[in-house]
Protein backbone atom coordinates (compact mmCIF):
# COMPACT_ATOMS: atom_id res chain seq x y z
CA MET A 1 -146.77 13.26 159.23
CA TYR A 2 -147.04 12.52 155.66
CA ILE A 3 -150.77 11.86 156.00
CA VAL A 4 -151.31 14.94 157.85
CA THR A 5 -149.96 17.16 155.26
CA ILE A 6 -151.89 15.39 152.75
CA ILE A 7 -154.93 15.86 154.51
CA PHE A 8 -154.64 19.57 155.80
CA THR A 9 -153.48 20.57 152.18
CA GLY A 10 -156.39 18.42 151.24
CA ILE A 11 -159.24 20.53 153.37
CA ALA A 12 -157.58 23.83 152.49
CA ILE A 13 -158.18 22.80 148.57
CA GLY A 14 -161.65 21.70 149.20
CA ALA A 15 -162.39 25.06 151.06
CA LEU A 16 -160.73 27.48 148.05
CA ALA A 17 -162.25 25.66 145.79
CA ARG A 18 -165.83 25.99 147.72
CA LEU A 19 -165.09 29.54 148.19
CA SER A 20 -163.44 30.08 144.33
CA VAL A 21 -165.91 28.58 142.48
CA GLY A 22 -168.48 30.99 141.70
CA GLY A 23 -172.71 30.45 140.22
CA PRO A 24 -174.40 28.41 141.95
CA SER A 25 -173.89 26.39 145.24
CA PHE A 26 -172.59 22.97 144.60
CA GLY A 27 -172.19 21.76 148.08
CA SER A 28 -171.65 22.63 151.83
CA LEU A 29 -168.18 23.73 153.23
CA PRO A 30 -168.10 20.96 155.24
CA MET A 31 -168.75 18.37 152.12
CA THR A 32 -166.10 20.32 149.49
CA THR A 33 -163.38 19.82 152.36
CA ALA A 34 -164.02 16.56 152.81
CA LEU A 35 -163.95 15.65 148.93
CA GLY A 36 -160.66 17.56 148.48
CA ALA A 37 -159.01 15.70 151.72
CA ALA A 38 -160.28 12.47 150.37
CA GLY A 39 -159.08 13.36 146.64
CA ALA A 40 -155.89 14.20 148.49
CA LEU A 41 -155.36 11.65 150.51
CA MET A 42 -155.94 9.16 147.86
CA ALA A 43 -153.77 10.95 145.33
CA GLY A 44 -151.19 11.23 147.85
CA LEU A 45 -150.94 7.72 148.67
CA ILE A 46 -151.34 6.70 145.24
CA GLY A 47 -147.91 9.33 144.38
CA ARG A 48 -145.60 7.89 147.50
CA TRP A 49 -147.02 3.67 146.17
CA LEU A 50 -145.26 5.19 142.70
CA GLY A 51 -141.84 6.93 144.36
CA LEU A 52 -143.25 10.76 143.50
CA SER A 53 -143.66 11.81 147.16
CA GLY A 54 -142.70 11.59 150.43
CA HIS A 55 -140.92 13.47 152.66
CA ALA A 56 -137.46 13.35 150.35
CA HIS A 57 -140.10 15.46 147.80
CA PRO A 58 -142.10 18.05 150.10
CA VAL A 59 -142.92 19.90 147.16
CA THR A 60 -144.19 17.25 144.65
CA THR A 61 -146.56 15.71 147.64
CA VAL A 62 -148.57 19.02 148.04
CA ALA A 63 -148.59 19.39 144.41
CA ILE A 64 -149.42 15.82 143.73
CA ALA A 65 -152.54 16.26 146.53
CA THR A 66 -153.84 19.39 145.66
CA PHE A 67 -153.60 17.86 142.04
CA GLY A 68 -155.39 14.77 143.74
CA ALA A 69 -158.35 17.39 145.11
CA ALA A 70 -159.05 19.18 142.48
CA VAL A 71 -159.63 16.35 140.12
CA VAL A 72 -161.66 15.04 143.32
CA LEU A 73 -164.02 18.12 142.96
CA VAL A 74 -164.22 18.49 139.43
CA ILE A 75 -165.64 14.78 138.87
CA HIS A 76 -168.25 15.67 142.03
CA ARG A 77 -169.10 19.08 140.03
CA LEU A 78 -169.63 17.24 136.85
CA LEU A 79 -171.61 14.33 138.34
CA LEU A 80 -174.54 16.52 140.36
CA PRO A 81 -177.54 16.63 138.61
CA ARG A 82 -178.63 20.45 137.00
CA ALA A 83 -180.92 20.70 139.53
CA ALA A 84 -178.76 20.25 141.83
CA LEU A 85 -177.19 23.12 140.88
CA ARG A 86 -180.42 25.91 140.96
């Protein structure tokens, strides 16, 4: 259930990022949701490994997953060539 929570958090963050970012598009909705889910899963597993999240810390788990998804999406946006944003 822990991993499912993290993945759904990442999907939601990826979708919100895609819908909330104004200006040029930096990817399709499926791509940003997948990037969000990947970032959330990575951050969630690292947080669990460090003992910062898990079943006893549901709010921390969602916060860590949100942070991981946001970081991956920002890195993706920064690494995109400027030509792709037009």
